[in-house]
C-alpha atoms as a PDB file:
ATOM      1  CA  MET A   1       0.000   0.000   0.000  1.00  0.00           C
ATOM      2  CA  LYS A   2       1.311   3.434  -0.931  1.00  0.00           C
ATOM      3  CA  THR A   3       2.038   6.044   1.716  1.00  0.00           C
ATOM      4  CA  SER A   4       1.335   9.718   1.084  1.00  0.00           C
ATOM      5  CA  LEU A   5       3.034  12.959   2.107  1.00  0.00           C
ATOM      6  CA  LYS A   6       1.995  16.567   1.577  1.00  0.00           C
ATOM      7  CA  PHE A   7       4.391  19.058   0.011  1.00  0.00           C
ATOM      8  CA  LEU A   8       4.025  22.836  -0.039  1.00  0.00           C
ATOM      9  CA  THR A   9       6.113  25.460  -1.820  1.00  0.00           C
ATOM     10  CA  PHE A  10       5.796  29.121  -0.905  1.00  0.00           C
ATOM     11  CA  ASN A  11       7.764  32.204  -1.897  1.00  0.00           C
ATOM     12  CA  ILE A  12       7.040  34.328   1.174  1.00  0.00           C
ATOM     13  CA  ARG A  13       8.759  37.538  -0.035  1.00  0.00           C
ATOM     14  CA  HIS A  14      11.980  38.731   1.548  1.00  0.00           C
ATOM     15  CA  ASP A  15      12.074  41.276   4.356  1.00  0.00           C
ATOM     16  CA  HIS A  16      15.168  43.360   3.748  1.00  0.00           C
ATOM     17  CA  GLY A  17      13.698  46.650   2.571  1.00  0.00           C
ATOM     18  CA  PRO A  18      14.635  50.068   3.963  1.00  0.00           C
ATOM     19  CA  ASP A  19      12.046  49.841   6.751  1.00  0.00           C
ATOM     20  CA  SER A  20      12.923  46.342   7.913  1.00  0.00           C
ATOM     21  CA  PRO A  21      14.261  46.048  11.486  1.00  0.00           C
ATOM     22  CA  TYR A  22      16.304  42.982  10.396  1.00  0.00           C
ATOM     23  CA  GLN A  23      15.411  41.049  13.527  1.00  0.00           C
ATOM     24  CA  PRO A  24      12.961  38.334  14.546  1.00  0.00           C
ATOM     25  CA  PHE A  25       9.956  39.084  16.748  1.00  0.00           C
ATOM     26  CA  ALA A  26       9.818  42.680  15.481  1.00  0.00           C
ATOM     27  CA  ALA A  27       6.823  44.767  16.538  1.00  0.00           C
ATOM     28  CA  PRO A  28       4.360  45.458  13.704  1.00  0.00           C
ATOM     29  CA  PRO A  29       3.874  48.996  12.371  1.00  0.00           C
ATOM     30  CA  GLN A  30       0.858  50.889  13.655  1.00  0.00           C
ATOM     31  CA  ASN A  31      -2.346  51.379  11.628  1.00  0.00           C
ATOM     32  CA  PRO A  32      -1.381  49.630   8.367  1.00  0.00           C
ATOM     33  CA  THR A  33      -3.630  50.283   5.365  1.00  0.00           C
ATOM     34  CA  PHE A  34      -3.063  46.941   3.580  1.00  0.00           C
ATOM     35  CA  LYS A  35      -3.051  48.677   0.181  1.00  0.00           C
ATOM     36  CA  HIS A  36       0.449  47.549  -0.788  1.00  0.00           C
ATOM     37  CA  GLU A  37       3.283  45.345   0.442  1.00  0.00           C
ATOM     38  CA  GLN A  38       3.196  45.093   4.228  1.00  0.00           C
ATOM     39  CA  ALA A  39       5.936  44.473   6.755  1.00  0.00           C
ATOM     40  CA  TRP A  40       6.900  40.894   7.539  1.00  0.00           C
ATOM     41  CA  ALA A  41       5.866  41.558  11.157  1.00  0.00           C
ATOM     42  CA  ILE A  42       2.281  41.643   9.844  1.00  0.00           C
ATOM     43  CA  ARG A  43       2.484  39.068   7.069  1.00  0.00           C
ATOM     44  CA  LYS A  44       4.226  36.335   9.058  1.00  0.00           C
ATOM     45  CA  TRP A  45       1.134  35.422  11.054  1.00  0.00           C
ATOM     46  CA  LYS A  46      -0.888  34.536   7.967  1.00  0.00           C
ATOM     47  CA  VAL A  47       2.052  32.735   6.374  1.00  0.00           C
ATOM     48  CA  ALA A  48       2.317  30.545   9.470  1.00  0.00           C
ATOM     49  CA  ASP A  49      -1.467  30.120   9.614  1.00  0.00           C
ATOM     50  CA  THR A  50      -1.431  28.779   6.057  1.00  0.00           C
ATOM     51  CA  VAL A  51       1.008  26.074   7.112  1.00  0.00           C
ATOM     52  CA  LEU A  52      -0.913  25.261  10.287  1.00  0.00           C
ATOM     53  CA  LEU A  53      -4.210  24.978   8.411  1.00  0.00           C
ATOM     54  CA  TYR A  54      -3.038  22.787   5.512  1.00  0.00           C
ATOM     55  CA  GLU A  55      -0.467  20.802   7.524  1.00  0.00           C
ATOM     56  CA  PRO A  56       2.088  19.964   4.832  1.00  0.00           C
ATOM     57  CA  ASP A  57       4.737  17.448   5.808  1.00  0.00           C
ATOM     58  CA  ILE A  58       7.531  19.178   3.889  1.00  0.00           C
ATOM     59  CA  ILE A  59       7.730  22.852   2.924  1.00  0.00           C
ATOM     60  CA  GLY A  60      10.013  24.673   0.547  1.00  0.00           C
ATOM     61  CA  PHE A  61      10.197  28.372   1.412  1.00  0.00           C
ATOM     62  CA  GLN A  62      11.844  30.807  -0.970  1.00  0.00           C
ATOM     63  CA  GLU A  63      13.195  34.287  -0.218  1.00  0.00           C
ATOM     64  CA  PRO A  64      13.210  34.438   3.593  1.00  0.00           C
ATOM     65  CA  VAL A  65      16.242  36.076   5.139  1.00  0.00           C
ATOM     66  CA  HIS A  66      17.608  34.841   8.452  1.00  0.00           C
ATOM     67  CA  HIS A  67      15.275  36.617  10.854  1.00  0.00           C
ATOM     68  CA  GLN A  68      12.249  35.443   8.854  1.00  0.00           C
ATOM     69  CA  VAL A  69      13.420  31.848   9.140  1.00  0.00           C
ATOM     70  CA  ILE A  70      13.775  32.298  12.909  1.00  0.00           C
ATOM     71  CA  ASP A  71      10.259  33.727  13.109  1.00  0.00           C
ATOM     72  CA  LEU A  72       8.902  30.728  11.210  1.00  0.00           C
ATOM     73  CA  GLU A  73      10.842  28.341  13.435  1.00  0.00           C
ATOM     74  CA  ALA A  74       9.164  29.943  16.447  1.00  0.00           C
ATOM     75  CA  LEU A  75       5.677  29.838  14.916  1.00  0.00           C
ATOM     76  CA  LEU A  76       5.829  26.328  13.429  1.00  0.00           C
ATOM     77  CA  ASP A  77       6.536  24.242  16.487  1.00  0.00           C
ATOM     78  CA  ASP A  78       6.067  20.824  14.848  1.00  0.00           C
ATOM     79  CA  TYR A  79       8.730  21.501  12.223  1.00  0.00           C
ATOM     80  CA  ASP A  80      12.502  21.446  12.041  1.00  0.00           C
ATOM     81  CA  TRP A  81      14.350  23.139   9.196  1.00  0.00           C
ATOM     82  CA  ILE A  82      17.560  23.236   7.200  1.00  0.00           C
ATOM     83  CA  GLY A  83      19.124  25.751   4.822  1.00  0.00           C
ATOM     84  CA  VAL A  84      21.663  28.551   4.530  1.00  0.00           C
ATOM     85  CA  GLY A  85      21.821  32.103   3.271  1.00  0.00           C
ATOM     86  CA  ARG A  86      22.639  32.084  -0.427  1.00  0.00           C
ATOM     87  CA  ASP A  87      25.194  34.917  -0.327  1.00  0.00           C
ATOM     88  CA  ASP A  88      27.777  33.243   1.936  1.00  0.00           C
ATOM     89  CA  GLY A  89      26.526  29.740   2.714  1.00  0.00           C
ATOM     90  CA  GLU A  90      25.824  30.777   6.303  1.00  0.00           C
ATOM     91  CA  GLN A  91      23.337  33.481   7.303  1.00  0.00           C
ATOM     92  CA  LYS A  92      23.723  36.216   4.700  1.00  0.00           C
ATOM     93  CA  GLY A  93      21.147  36.627   1.955  1.00  0.00           C
ATOM     94  CA  GLU A  94      17.940  34.827   1.121  1.00  0.00           C
ATOM     95  CA  TYR A  95      17.362  31.194   2.097  1.00  0.00           C
ATOM     96  CA  SER A  96      15.744  28.336   0.203  1.00  0.00           C
ATOM     97  CA  ALA A  97      14.806  26.830   3.540  1.00  0.00           C
ATOM     98  CA  VAL A  98      13.210  23.405   3.842  1.00  0.00           C
ATOM     99  CA  PHE A  99      10.921  22.854   6.825  1.00  0.00           C
ATOM    100  CA  TYR A 100       9.757  19.335   7.661  1.00  0.00           C
ATOM    101  CA  LYS A 101       7.592  17.598  10.249  1.00  0.00           C
ATOM    102  CA  ARG A 102       9.942  15.841  12.606  1.00  0.00           C
ATOM    103  CA  ASP A 103       7.392  13.103  13.341  1.00  0.00           C
ATOM    104  CA  LYS A 104       7.075  12.150   9.653  1.00  0.00           C
ATOM    105  CA  VAL A 105      10.599  12.206   8.215  1.00  0.00           C
ATOM    106  CA  THR A 106      14.252  12.325   9.176  1.00  0.00           C
ATOM    107  CA  VAL A 107      17.114  13.983   7.316  1.00  0.00           C
ATOM    108  CA  GLU A 108      19.753  11.571   6.019  1.00  0.00           C
ATOM    109  CA  ASN A 109      21.930  14.293   4.487  1.00  0.00           C
ATOM    110  CA  TRP A 110      21.627  17.643   2.770  1.00  0.00           C
ATOM    111  CA  LYS A 111      23.573  20.298   0.905  1.00  0.00           C
ATOM    112  CA  THR A 112      23.197  23.619  -0.871  1.00  0.00           C
ATOM    113  CA  ILE A 113      23.709  23.860  -4.623  1.00  0.00           C
ATOM    114  CA  TRP A 114      24.481  27.259  -6.104  1.00  0.00           C
ATOM    115  CA  LEU A 115      22.795  27.625  -9.471  1.00  0.00           C
ATOM    116  CA  SER A 116      25.925  28.592 -11.363  1.00  0.00           C
ATOM    117  CA  GLU A 117      28.796  27.140 -13.356  1.00  0.00           C
ATOM    118  CA  THR A 118      30.456  26.431  -9.976  1.00  0.00           C
ATOM    119  CA  PRO A 119      27.614  24.915  -7.909  1.00  0.00           C
ATOM    120  CA  GLU A 120      29.844  24.050  -4.955  1.00  0.00           C
ATOM    121  CA  VAL A 121      31.114  27.624  -4.513  1.00  0.00           C
ATOM    122  CA  ALA A 122      29.085  29.547  -1.936  1.00  0.00           C
ATOM    123  CA  GLY A 123      27.751  32.837  -3.244  1.00  0.00           C
ATOM    124  CA  SER A 124      28.603  32.117  -6.892  1.00  0.00           C
ATOM    125  CA  LYS A 125      26.424  33.808  -9.497  1.00  0.00           C
ATOM    126  CA  GLY A 126      25.771  31.943 -12.739  1.00  0.00           C
ATOM    127  CA  TRP A 127      25.496  32.908 -16.382  1.00  0.00           C
ATOM    128  CA  ASP A 128      23.498  36.149 -16.826  1.00  0.00           C
ATOM    129  CA  ALA A 129      21.753  35.973 -13.432  1.00  0.00           C
ATOM    130  CA  ASN A 130      20.759  39.192 -11.731  1.00  0.00           C
ATOM    131  CA  ASN A 131      21.210  37.644  -8.279  1.00  0.00           C
ATOM    132  CA  VAL A 132      22.960  34.763  -6.566  1.00  0.00           C
ATOM    133  CA  ARG A 133      20.616  31.773  -6.766  1.00  0.00           C
ATOM    134  CA  ALA A 134      20.645  28.487  -4.879  1.00  0.00           C
ATOM    135  CA  ALA A 135      18.769  25.260  -4.219  1.00  0.00           C
ATOM    136  CA  THR A 136      18.608  23.192  -1.040  1.00  0.00           C
ATOM    137  CA  GLN A 137      18.883  19.446  -1.651  1.00  0.00           C
ATOM    138  CA  VAL A 138      17.720  17.082   1.099  1.00  0.00           C
ATOM    139  CA  LEU A 139      17.697  13.302   1.312  1.00  0.00           C
ATOM    140  CA  PHE A 140      14.797  12.342   3.577  1.00  0.00           C
ATOM    141  CA  LYS A 141      13.775   9.026   5.102  1.00  0.00           C
ATOM    142  CA  ARG A 142      10.088   8.468   5.658  1.00  0.00           C
ATOM    143  CA  LYS A 143       9.533   7.159   9.177  1.00  0.00           C
ATOM    144  CA  GLU A 144       6.482   5.079   8.349  1.00  0.00           C
ATOM    145  CA  ASP A 145       8.188   2.736   5.888  1.00  0.00           C
ATOM    146  CA  GLY A 146      11.873   3.689   5.781  1.00  0.00           C
ATOM    147  CA  GLN A 147      11.777   4.802   2.146  1.00  0.00           C
ATOM    148  CA  THR A 148      14.215   7.516   1.134  1.00  0.00           C
ATOM    149  CA  PHE A 149      13.512  10.326  -1.304  1.00  0.00           C
ATOM    150  CA  THR A 150      15.113  13.596  -2.322  1.00  0.00           C
ATOM    151  CA  VAL A 151      13.692  17.114  -2.209  1.00  0.00           C
ATOM    152  CA  LEU A 152      15.142  20.029  -4.156  1.00  0.00           C
ATOM    153  CA  ASN A 153      13.895  23.471  -3.132  1.00  0.00           C
ATOM    154  CA  ALA A 154      15.012  25.967  -5.769  1.00  0.00           C
ATOM    155  CA  HIS A 155      14.680  29.643  -6.606  1.00  0.00           C
ATOM    156  CA  LEU A 156      15.690  30.519 -10.166  1.00  0.00           C
ATOM    157  CA  ASP A 157      16.647  33.964 -11.412  1.00  0.00           C
ATOM    158  CA  HIS A 158      13.890  36.359 -12.425  1.00  0.00           C
ATOM    159  CA  ARG A 159      15.817  38.119 -15.203  1.00  0.00           C
ATOM    160  CA  GLY A 160      18.546  35.923 -16.635  1.00  0.00           C
ATOM    161  CA  LEU A 161      17.181  33.674 -19.379  1.00  0.00           C
ATOM    162  CA  GLU A 162      20.486  31.835 -19.726  1.00  0.00           C
ATOM    163  CA  ALA A 163      20.699  31.573 -15.945  1.00  0.00           C
ATOM    164  CA  ARG A 164      17.349  29.777 -15.872  1.00  0.00           C
ATOM    165  CA  ARG A 165      18.410  27.494 -18.717  1.00  0.00           C
ATOM    166  CA  GLY A 166      21.647  26.666 -16.951  1.00  0.00           C
ATOM    167  CA  ALA A 167      19.927  26.143 -13.609  1.00  0.00           C
ATOM    168  CA  ALA A 168      17.370  23.786 -15.164  1.00  0.00           C
ATOM    169  CA  SER A 169      20.110  21.689 -16.754  1.00  0.00           C
ATOM    170  CA  LEU A 170      22.044  21.665 -13.482  1.00  0.00           C
ATOM    171  CA  LEU A 171      19.002  20.472 -11.541  1.00  0.00           C
ATOM    172  CA  LEU A 172      18.397  17.689 -14.061  1.00  0.00           C
ATOM    173  CA  GLU A 173      22.016  16.648 -13.650  1.00  0.00           C
ATOM    174  CA  GLN A 174      21.434  16.325  -9.902  1.00  0.00           C
ATOM    175  CA  VAL A 175      18.555  13.931 -10.571  1.00  0.00           C
ATOM    176  CA  LYS A 176      20.863  11.512 -12.374  1.00  0.00           C
ATOM    177  CA  HIS A 177      22.809  10.971  -9.160  1.00  0.00           C
ATOM    178  CA  GLN A 178      19.788  10.249  -6.953  1.00  0.00           C
ATOM    179  CA  GLU A 179      17.977   6.991  -6.334  1.00  0.00           C
ATOM    180  CA  GLY A 180      14.241   6.902  -5.865  1.00  0.00           C
ATOM    181  CA  LEU A 181      11.758   9.736  -5.979  1.00  0.00           C
ATOM    182  CA  VAL A 182      13.062  13.273  -6.515  1.00  0.00           C
ATOM    183  CA  ILE A 183      10.751  16.221  -5.889  1.00  0.00           C
ATOM    184  CA  LEU A 184      11.646  19.638  -7.257  1.00  0.00           C
ATOM    185  CA  MET A 185       9.641  22.507  -5.868  1.00  0.00           C
ATOM    186  CA  GLY A 186      10.058  26.224  -5.722  1.00  0.00           C
ATOM    187  CA  ASP A 187       9.817  29.530  -7.507  1.00  0.00           C
ATOM    188  CA  LEU A 188      11.260  28.719 -10.917  1.00  0.00           C
ATOM    189  CA  ASN A 189      10.477  32.195 -12.298  1.00  0.00           C
ATOM    190  CA  SER A 190       9.494  30.322 -15.446  1.00  0.00           C
ATOM    191  CA  PRO A 191       6.064  30.335 -17.068  1.00  0.00           C
ATOM    192  CA  GLU A 192       5.212  27.136 -18.899  1.00  0.00           C
ATOM    193  CA  ASP A 193       6.553  28.493 -22.201  1.00  0.00           C
ATOM    194  CA  ASP A 194       9.888  29.501 -20.640  1.00  0.00           C
ATOM    195  CA  PRO A 195      12.957  27.440 -21.653  1.00  0.00           C
ATOM    196  CA  ALA A 196      13.659  26.413 -18.047  1.00  0.00           C
ATOM    197  CA  TYR A 197      10.249  24.753 -17.592  1.00  0.00           C
ATOM    198  CA  GLN A 198      10.549  23.220 -21.053  1.00  0.00           C
ATOM    199  CA  ILE A 199      13.967  21.761 -20.207  1.00  0.00           C
ATOM    200  CA  LEU A 200      12.851  20.411 -16.838  1.00  0.00           C
ATOM    201  CA  THR A 201       9.760  18.703 -18.292  1.00  0.00           C
ATOM    202  CA  SER A 202      11.247  17.776 -21.706  1.00  0.00           C
ATOM    203  CA  GLU A 203       8.430  19.770 -23.349  1.00  0.00           C
ATOM    204  CA  HIS A 204       6.033  17.068 -22.169  1.00  0.00           C
ATOM    205  CA  TYR A 205       3.180  19.479 -21.470  1.00  0.00           C
ATOM    206  CA  ASN A 206       3.221  21.582 -24.630  1.00  0.00           C
ATOM    207  CA  GLY A 207      -0.348  22.229 -25.714  1.00  0.00           C
ATOM    208  CA  ARG A 208      -1.759  20.661 -22.562  1.00  0.00           C
ATOM    209  CA  LYS A 209      -2.346  23.781 -20.470  1.00  0.00           C
ATOM    210  CA  ASP A 210      -5.277  23.305 -18.103  1.00  0.00           C
ATOM    211  CA  GLU A 211      -6.222  20.007 -19.750  1.00  0.00           C
ATOM    212  CA  ASN A 212      -7.456  18.606 -16.429  1.00  0.00           C
ATOM    213  CA  ASN A 213      -9.312  21.764 -15.417  1.00  0.00           C
ATOM    214  CA  THR A 214     -12.699  20.958 -13.897  1.00  0.00           C
ATOM    215  CA  LEU A 215     -14.643  23.284 -16.196  1.00  0.00           C
ATOM    216  CA  ARG A 216     -13.315  21.534 -19.292  1.00  0.00           C
ATOM    217  CA  HIS A 217     -14.748  18.191 -18.181  1.00  0.00           C
ATOM    218  CA  LEU A 218     -18.114  18.989 -16.639  1.00  0.00           C
ATOM    219  CA  GLU A 219     -20.097  16.502 -18.738  1.00  0.00           C
ATOM    220  CA  PRO A 220     -17.852  13.443 -18.244  1.00  0.00           C
ATOM    221  CA  LEU A 221     -17.473  14.317 -14.555  1.00  0.00           C
ATOM    222  CA  ASN A 222     -21.243  14.413 -14.212  1.00  0.00           C
ATOM    223  CA  ASP A 223     -21.640  11.149 -16.119  1.00  0.00           C
ATOM    224  CA  LYS A 224     -19.069   9.474 -13.872  1.00  0.00           C
ATOM    225  CA  ALA A 225     -20.816  10.709 -10.714  1.00  0.00           C
ATOM    226  CA  ALA A 226     -24.190   9.552 -12.048  1.00  0.00           C
ATOM    227  CA  SER A 227     -22.802   6.133 -12.946  1.00  0.00           C
ATOM    228  CA  LEU A 228     -21.386   5.620  -9.468  1.00  0.00           C
ATOM    229  CA  TYR A 229     -24.619   6.738  -7.833  1.00  0.00           C
ATOM    230  CA  ALA A 230     -26.624   4.423 -10.085  1.00  0.00           C
ATOM    231  CA  GLN A 231     -24.388   1.523  -9.063  1.00  0.00           C
ATOM    232  CA  LYS A 232     -24.817   2.431  -5.411  1.00  0.00           C
ATOM    233  CA  THR A 233     -28.619   2.730  -5.508  1.00  0.00           C
ATOM    234  CA  GLY A 234     -29.426   0.244  -8.269  1.00  0.00           C
ATOM    235  CA  GLN A 235     -31.585   2.890  -9.930  1.00  0.00           C
ATOM    236  CA  PRO A 236     -31.172   4.527 -13.360  1.00  0.00           C
ATOM    237  CA  ILE A 237     -30.217   8.209 -13.251  1.00  0.00           C
ATOM    238  CA  ARG A 238     -31.343  10.819 -15.765  1.00  0.00           C
ATOM    239  CA  THR A 239     -28.441  13.214 -16.485  1.00  0.00           C
ATOM    240  CA  GLY A 240     -30.018  15.112 -19.367  1.00  0.00           C
ATOM    241  CA  GLU A 241     -32.792  15.041 -21.936  1.00  0.00           C
ATOM    242  CA  ASN A 242     -32.972  11.572 -23.493  1.00  0.00           C
ATOM    243  CA  LYS A 243     -29.886  10.557 -21.493  1.00  0.00           C
ATOM    244  CA  ILE A 244     -30.150   7.925 -18.776  1.00  0.00           C
ATOM    245  CA  THR A 245     -27.300   6.305 -16.865  1.00  0.00           C
ATOM    246  CA  LEU A 246     -28.019   2.676 -16.002  1.00  0.00           C
ATOM    247  CA  PRO A 247     -26.680   0.913 -12.889  1.00  0.00           C
ATOM    248  CA  THR A 248     -24.084  -1.080 -14.824  1.00  0.00           C
ATOM    249  CA  HIS A 249     -20.631  -1.667 -13.443  1.00  0.00           C
ATOM    250  CA  ARG A 250     -17.752   0.157 -15.090  1.00  0.00           C
ATOM    251  CA  VAL A 251     -14.098  -0.063 -14.174  1.00  0.00           C
ATOM    252  CA  PHE A 252     -11.771   2.869 -14.776  1.00  0.00           C
ATOM    253  CA  ARG A 253      -8.190   1.739 -14.622  1.00  0.00           C
ATOM    254  CA  ARG A 254      -5.173   4.008 -14.661  1.00  0.00           C
ATOM    255  CA  PRO A 255      -2.680   2.778 -17.296  1.00  0.00           C
ATOM    256  CA  VAL A 256       0.161   2.445 -14.798  1.00  0.00           C
ATOM    257  CA  LEU A 257       2.180  -0.112 -16.745  1.00  0.00           C
ATOM    258  CA  GLU A 258       1.951   1.894 -19.958  1.00  0.00           C
ATOM    259  CA  HIS A 259       2.980   5.020 -18.048  1.00  0.00           C
ATOM    260  CA  GLN A 260       5.991   3.234 -16.569  1.00  0.00           C
ATOM    261  CA  GLN A 261       7.057   1.931 -19.986  1.00  0.00           C
ATOM    262  CA  GLN A 262       6.886   5.447 -21.421  1.00  0.00           C
ATOM    263  CA  GLU A 263       8.985   6.747 -18.545  1.00  0.00           C
ATOM    264  CA  GLU A 264      11.683   4.157 -19.187  1.00  0.00           C
ATOM    265  CA  THR A 265      12.130   5.264 -22.790  1.00  0.00           C
ATOM    266  CA  GLN A 266      12.152   9.000 -22.131  1.00  0.00           C
ATOM    267  CA  PRO A 267      15.153  11.114 -21.066  1.00  0.00           C
ATOM    268  CA  VAL A 268      15.479  12.229 -17.465  1.00  0.00           C
ATOM    269  CA  SER A 269      12.862  14.883 -16.816  1.00  0.00           C
ATOM    270  CA  PHE A 270      10.273  15.963 -14.292  1.00  0.00           C
ATOM    271  CA  LEU A 271       6.524  15.488 -14.274  1.00  0.00           C
ATOM    272  CA  ASP A 272       4.281  18.374 -13.250  1.00  0.00           C
ATOM    273  CA  ALA A 273       2.069  17.487 -10.288  1.00  0.00           C
ATOM    274  CA  ARG A 274      -0.657  19.798 -11.561  1.00  0.00           C
ATOM    275  CA  TYR A 275      -1.104  17.846 -14.773  1.00  0.00           C
ATOM    276  CA  GLU A 276      -0.513  14.422 -13.228  1.00  0.00           C
ATOM    277  CA  LEU A 277      -3.293  14.874 -10.671  1.00  0.00           C
ATOM    278  CA  ILE A 278      -5.656  11.905 -10.495  1.00  0.00           C
ATOM    279  CA  THR A 279      -9.150  13.354 -10.922  1.00  0.00           C
ATOM    280  CA  ARG A 280     -12.675  12.057 -10.421  1.00  0.00           C
ATOM    281  CA  LEU A 281     -12.628  10.758 -13.974  1.00  0.00           C
ATOM    282  CA  LYS A 282     -10.270   8.039 -12.695  1.00  0.00           C
ATOM    283  CA  ASP A 283     -11.065   7.847  -8.975  1.00  0.00           C
ATOM    284  CA  SER A 284     -14.446   8.603  -7.437  1.00  0.00           C
ATOM    285  CA  LYS A 285     -12.810   9.897  -4.241  1.00  0.00           C
ATOM    286  CA  ALA A 286     -10.515  12.336  -6.035  1.00  0.00           C
ATOM    287  CA  LEU A 287     -10.782  16.039  -6.765  1.00  0.00           C
ATOM    288  CA  SER A 288     -12.593  17.075  -9.944  1.00  0.00           C
ATOM    289  CA  GLY A 289      -9.467  18.958 -11.015  1.00  0.00           C
ATOM    290  CA  PRO A 290      -6.653  21.107  -9.608  1.00  0.00           C
ATOM    291  CA  TYR A 291      -7.930  23.122  -6.650  1.00  0.00           C
ATOM    292  CA  GLY A 292      -7.882  26.901  -6.489  1.00  0.00           C
ATOM    293  CA  TYR A 293      -5.997  29.139  -8.874  1.00  0.00           C
ATOM    294  CA  GLY A 294      -3.965  28.486 -11.994  1.00  0.00           C
ATOM    295  CA  ASP A 295      -1.427  31.278 -11.646  1.00  0.00           C
ATOM    296  CA  THR A 296       0.874  31.601  -8.646  1.00  0.00           C
ATOM    297  CA  PHE A 297       2.482  35.052  -8.901  1.00  0.00           C
ATOM    298  CA  THR A 298       0.136  37.945  -8.136  1.00  0.00           C
ATOM    299  CA  SER A 299       2.399  40.858  -7.126  1.00  0.00           C
ATOM    300  CA  PHE A 300       1.201  43.091  -4.283  1.00  0.00           C
ATOM    301  CA  GLY A 301      -1.301  44.726  -6.604  1.00  0.00           C
ATOM    302  CA  THR A 302       0.742  47.831  -7.428  1.00  0.00           C
ATOM    303  CA  GLY A 303       3.927  48.825  -9.204  1.00  0.00           C
ATOM    304  CA  GLU A 304       5.879  47.302 -12.066  1.00  0.00           C
ATOM    305  CA  ASP A 305       5.304  43.721 -10.923  1.00  0.00           C
ATOM    306  CA  ALA A 306       1.534  44.205 -11.073  1.00  0.00           C
ATOM    307  CA  GLU A 307       1.821  44.741 -14.825  1.00  0.00           C
ATOM    308  CA  LYS A 308       3.459  41.308 -15.220  1.00  0.00           C
ATOM    309  CA  ALA A 309       1.017  39.417 -13.027  1.00  0.00           C
ATOM    310  CA  PRO A 310      -0.623  36.988 -12.949  1.00  0.00           C
ATOM    311  CA  LEU A 311       1.826  34.256 -13.920  1.00  0.00           C
ATOM    312  CA  ARG A 312       2.424  30.624 -13.099  1.00  0.00           C
ATOM    313  CA  LEU A 313       5.961  30.596 -11.671  1.00  0.00           C
ATOM    314  CA  ASP A 314       5.793  28.209  -8.704  1.00  0.00           C
ATOM    315  CA  TYR A 315       5.789  24.445  -9.173  1.00  0.00           C
ATOM    316  CA  ILE A 316       5.867  21.026  -7.587  1.00  0.00           C
ATOM    317  CA  LEU A 317       7.555  18.646 -10.032  1.00  0.00           C
ATOM    318  CA  TYR A 318       8.770  15.096  -9.538  1.00  0.00           C
ATOM    319  CA  HIS A 319      10.870  12.371 -11.142  1.00  0.00           C
ATOM    320  CA  SER A 320      10.490   8.773 -10.032  1.00  0.00           C
ATOM    321  CA  PRO A 321      11.475   5.271 -11.137  1.00  0.00           C
ATOM    322  CA  VAL A 322       8.245   3.982  -9.570  1.00  0.00           C
ATOM    323  CA  ALA A 323       4.662   5.072 -10.098  1.00  0.00           C
ATOM    324  CA  VAL A 324       3.618   8.110  -8.060  1.00  0.00           C
ATOM    325  CA  ASP A 325      -0.015   9.044  -7.467  1.00  0.00           C
ATOM    326  CA  VAL A 326      -0.785  12.754  -7.236  1.00  0.00           C
ATOM    327  CA  LEU A 327      -3.797  12.645  -4.936  1.00  0.00           C
ATOM    328  CA  GLN A 328      -4.253  16.379  -4.395  1.00  0.00           C
ATOM    329  CA  PHE A 329      -2.994  19.555  -6.013  1.00  0.00           C
ATOM    330  CA  GLY A 330      -3.936  23.145  -5.296  1.00  0.00           C
ATOM    331  CA  VAL A 331      -2.859  26.749  -5.621  1.00  0.00           C
ATOM    332  CA  LEU A 332      -3.969  28.495  -2.445  1.00  0.00           C
ATOM    333  CA  CYS A 333      -5.005  32.059  -1.693  1.00  0.00           C
ATOM    334  CA  ASN A 334      -2.598  34.829  -0.667  1.00  0.00           C
ATOM    335  CA  GLN A 335      -5.111  37.647  -0.143  1.00  0.00           C
ATOM    336  CA  TYR A 336      -8.293  37.761   1.909  1.00  0.00           C
ATOM    337  CA  ASP A 337     -11.176  40.127   2.712  1.00  0.00           C
ATOM    338  CA  ASP A 338      -9.011  42.487   4.751  1.00  0.00           C
ATOM    339  CA  GLY A 339      -6.978  43.211   1.612  1.00  0.00           C
ATOM    340  CA  LEU A 340      -3.694  41.960   3.060  1.00  0.00           C
ATOM    341  CA  TYR A 341      -1.384  40.181   0.651  1.00  0.00           C
ATOM    342  CA  ILE A 342       0.558  37.709   2.777  1.00  0.00           C
ATOM    343  CA  SER A 343       3.062  37.450  -0.092  1.00  0.00           C
ATOM    344  CA  ASP A 344       3.292  38.344  -3.758  1.00  0.00           C
ATOM    345  CA  HIS A 345       3.140  34.609  -4.534  1.00  0.00           C
ATOM    346  CA  ARG A 346       0.455  32.055  -3.794  1.00  0.00           C
ATOM    347  CA  PRO A 347       1.397  28.850  -1.976  1.00  0.00           C
ATOM    348  CA  VAL A 348       1.208  25.602  -3.949  1.00  0.00           C
ATOM    349  CA  ILE A 349       0.390  22.280  -2.288  1.00  0.00           C
ATOM    350  CA  ALA A 350       0.363  18.666  -3.484  1.00  0.00           C
ATOM    351  CA  LYS A 351      -0.255  15.295  -1.878  1.00  0.00           C
ATOM    352  CA  LEU A 352       1.846  12.508  -3.375  1.00  0.00           C
ATOM    353  CA  ALA A 353       1.677   8.784  -2.674  1.00  0.00           C
ATOM    354  CA  TRP A 354       4.320   6.193  -3.557  1.00  0.00           C
END
């Protein structure tokens, strides 16, 4: 029987602007208006609440600086964490921190990879990157069954096209040296038509955007639900004019063997959890489609970034020699009725079983 874990990736927006106190447990500013980017001292509570509500087992945070990581450590009591500042390999600069539930997994080993031509050199900047970029690589052991798997939490450059290409190739190279499941999550700063996403997925999803969206499959979803209800009750169900679903037994089987054979013949690449989600068309207990939003970058609603938004930049991808079931996938909210943006990115969550 397969065992599942929940993974969440969240770019929580750095806190090193001119008004930042650069320390954990900072007092919030008085009388905020919530009309633009707010101080971390305000945003951190809702970031932590998101984790506490959805209870992911492993989290990849992007952009926090050291005092933000300490704040999250204090607020997320069930989690331990690992990571370093990208600028010096210690505490300077943004982290790609990985938080994990200590009762679910243990860390076998971990390291930081700088996304550059010299990935072992702390603080190295690659290709045409605007900033130093890094990924945290962790080998975990699942406590329930002793299986090991690898997590890569990455943050690619937002400006350098060649830097994203190079980083994608570097991350794929890391996969070749790992055994078992490898999960890549993070802010890839790459829409689906960007070369980095194309390299990571071997162009597997070209022309398939939103193909498992609920609204594109309303009729077959309804037919499937009617068929199952007819089987349960033994009564025919009318689903439309001159259309009746009889209580006959139908079996929907996922072509696992065919999928595995295809994987064996393809080059090393990642699958996108969004598009690999098992939906109600295959499993009556599953979601009808990906939950929530499609895009993940929203901006704070003003400024230059607002003109670029919305975009899908944040992903949960995986590569595995064995079949993996994506049981849940969702893009969660980052703004609520009070108008507060808890970040300029939305969190992304997925439940994987293997």
